[in-house]
Amino acid sequence: MFLLALWWLPKRPVAGRRALLAGIGVSAAIGWLPLPDALMRHMENQYSAPRGSLQPYVGMVVLGGAIGIPYGEQEVRRYTLDASAQRMTAPVALLRQYPHLLLLFSGGQSPPASQ
C-alpha cells in the first residue's frame, strides 16, 4: 500500500493519500498487540473443559505461547512462564491423575537448538 501511495501521490494525490491512510490502518491493525490475544481467547473459549472422568480420552493438546526466553538468556537456557502459564501447569496435574493420556504441545517458541 505504501509503494502504491508513493506511486500515486504525484499524479493522483487523493488516491495516493487514501492508499497511504489504508496502509497505515492495515499496519496498525496487524501490529495491534491485543488482536492476536483476542483471537487466541476465542479459540480457547470455543470448547468447554470436560466434566467428570478423563478415562475415555486419549490425549490433550496444549496451545503454545506460555514459555518465553528473556533477551540475552538464550545461551544459559533460562525460560520464563508468561500470563498463559496455566496452559503449561494444568496438564501436569491431569497427567499425574490420568497417566494414560498423551500430550501434544502445539505452537509457541521452540527452545534453542542444543549444541
Protein backbone atom coordinates (compact mmCIF):
# COMPACT_ATOMS: atom_id res chain seq x y z
CA MET A 1 0.00 0.00 0.00
CA PHE A 2 2.85 2.36 0.81
CA LEU A 3 4.54 1.81 -2.56
CA LEU A 4 1.23 2.30 -4.32
CA ALA A 5 0.73 5.55 -2.37
CA LEU A 6 4.20 6.80 -3.37
CA TRP A 7 3.48 5.96 -7.00
CA TRP A 8 0.08 7.70 -6.98
CA LEU A 9 0.93 10.81 -4.91
CA PRO A 10 2.47 12.92 -7.73
CA LYS A 11 -0.26 12.28 -10.34
CA ARG A 12 -3.29 11.30 -8.24
CA PRO A 13 -2.89 12.94 -4.82
CA VAL A 14 -6.33 11.98 -3.48
CA ALA A 15 -5.88 8.30 -4.35
CA GLY A 16 -2.32 8.44 -3.03
CA ARG A 17 -3.46 9.84 0.32
CA ARG A 18 -6.18 7.20 0.58
CA ALA A 19 -3.70 4.42 -0.16
CA LEU A 20 -1.32 5.89 2.42
CA LEU A 21 -4.05 6.01 5.07
CA ALA A 22 -5.12 2.46 4.19
CA GLY A 23 -1.52 1.27 4.55
CA ILE A 24 -1.21 2.97 7.93
CA GLY A 25 -4.53 1.46 9.03
CA VAL A 26 -3.56 -2.06 7.96
CA SER A 27 -0.16 -1.74 9.64
CA ALA A 28 -1.78 -0.54 12.85
CA ALA A 29 -4.35 -3.38 12.81
CA ILE A 30 -1.71 -6.04 12.21
CA GLY A 31 0.67 -4.59 14.78
CA TRP A 32 -2.01 -4.07 17.43
CA LEU A 33 -0.98 -6.40 20.27
CA PRO A 34 -4.43 -7.26 21.70
CA LEU A 35 -5.64 -8.64 18.36
CA PRO A 36 -3.71 -11.97 18.48
CA ASP A 37 -4.68 -12.40 22.13
CA ALA A 38 -8.35 -11.86 21.30
CA LEU A 39 -8.16 -14.47 18.55
CA MET A 40 -6.46 -16.93 20.91
CA ARG A 41 -9.06 -16.30 23.64
CA HIS A 42 -11.83 -17.03 21.16
CA MET A 43 -10.19 -20.33 20.23
CA GLU A 44 -9.58 -21.27 23.88
CA ASN A 45 -13.19 -20.50 24.85
CA GLN A 46 -14.72 -22.31 21.89
CA TYR A 47 -14.80 -25.62 23.78
CA SER A 48 -15.56 -26.19 27.44
CA ALA A 49 -13.40 -28.32 29.71
CA PRO A 50 -14.56 -31.94 30.01
CA ARG A 51 -16.56 -32.81 33.12
CA GLY A 52 -16.07 -35.98 35.12
CA SER A 53 -13.52 -38.68 34.38
CA LEU A 54 -10.98 -38.38 31.58
CA GLN A 55 -10.65 -42.17 31.19
CA PRO A 56 -12.34 -42.27 27.76
CA TYR A 57 -9.98 -39.62 26.34
CA VAL A 58 -6.75 -40.48 24.52
CA GLY A 59 -4.86 -37.22 24.97
CA MET A 60 -4.87 -33.46 25.11
CA VAL A 61 -3.49 -30.59 23.06
CA VAL A 62 -1.70 -27.77 24.87
CA LEU A 63 -1.50 -24.49 22.98
CA GLY A 64 1.94 -22.92 22.98
CA GLY A 65 2.93 -19.39 23.74
CA ALA A 66 3.37 -19.70 27.50
CA ILE A 67 7.15 -20.06 27.51
CA GLY A 68 9.38 -17.10 26.88
CA ILE A 69 13.14 -16.75 26.63
CA PRO A 70 14.29 -13.45 28.15
CA TYR A 71 16.52 -11.36 25.91
CA GLY A 72 20.14 -12.35 26.32
CA GLU A 73 19.33 -15.59 28.16
CA GLN A 74 19.39 -17.94 25.15
CA GLU A 75 22.84 -19.31 25.95
CA VAL A 76 22.13 -20.09 29.62
CA ARG A 77 18.74 -21.69 28.78
CA ARG A 78 16.58 -19.84 31.27
CA TYR A 79 12.90 -19.90 30.45
CA THR A 80 10.04 -17.91 31.91
CA LEU A 81 6.30 -18.52 32.04
CA ASP A 82 4.10 -15.65 30.98
CA ALA A 83 0.42 -14.87 31.62
CA SER A 84 -0.58 -18.14 29.90
CA ALA A 85 1.36 -20.28 32.38
CA GLN A 86 -1.77 -22.22 33.32
CA ARG A 87 -1.61 -23.89 29.91
CA MET A 88 1.70 -25.46 30.91
CA THR A 89 0.98 -26.26 34.56
CA ALA A 90 -2.60 -27.60 34.45
CA PRO A 91 -1.76 -30.62 32.22
CA VAL A 92 0.86 -31.79 34.73
CA ALA A 93 -1.82 -32.43 37.38
CA LEU A 94 -4.03 -34.16 34.81
CA LEU A 95 -1.18 -36.38 33.64
CA ARG A 96 -0.48 -37.45 37.22
CA GLN A 97 -4.13 -38.36 37.69
CA TYR A 98 -4.54 -39.97 34.24
CA PRO A 99 -1.13 -41.34 33.16
CA HIS A 100 -2.59 -42.95 30.01
CA LEU A 101 -3.21 -39.53 28.40
CA LEU A 102 -0.93 -38.43 25.57
CA LEU A 103 0.21 -34.82 25.47
CA LEU A 104 0.72 -32.71 22.34
CA PHE A 105 2.35 -29.27 22.61
CA SER A 106 1.33 -27.10 19.68
CA GLY A 107 2.86 -23.82 18.56
CA GLY A 108 4.86 -21.43 20.69
CA GLN A 109 8.55 -20.70 20.62
CA SER A 110 10.90 -23.65 20.36
CA PRO A 111 13.88 -23.85 22.70
CA PRO A 112 17.31 -23.09 21.27
CA ALA A 113 18.99 -26.00 19.49
CA SER A 114 21.35 -27.96 21.68
CA GLN A 115 24.98 -27.94 20.76
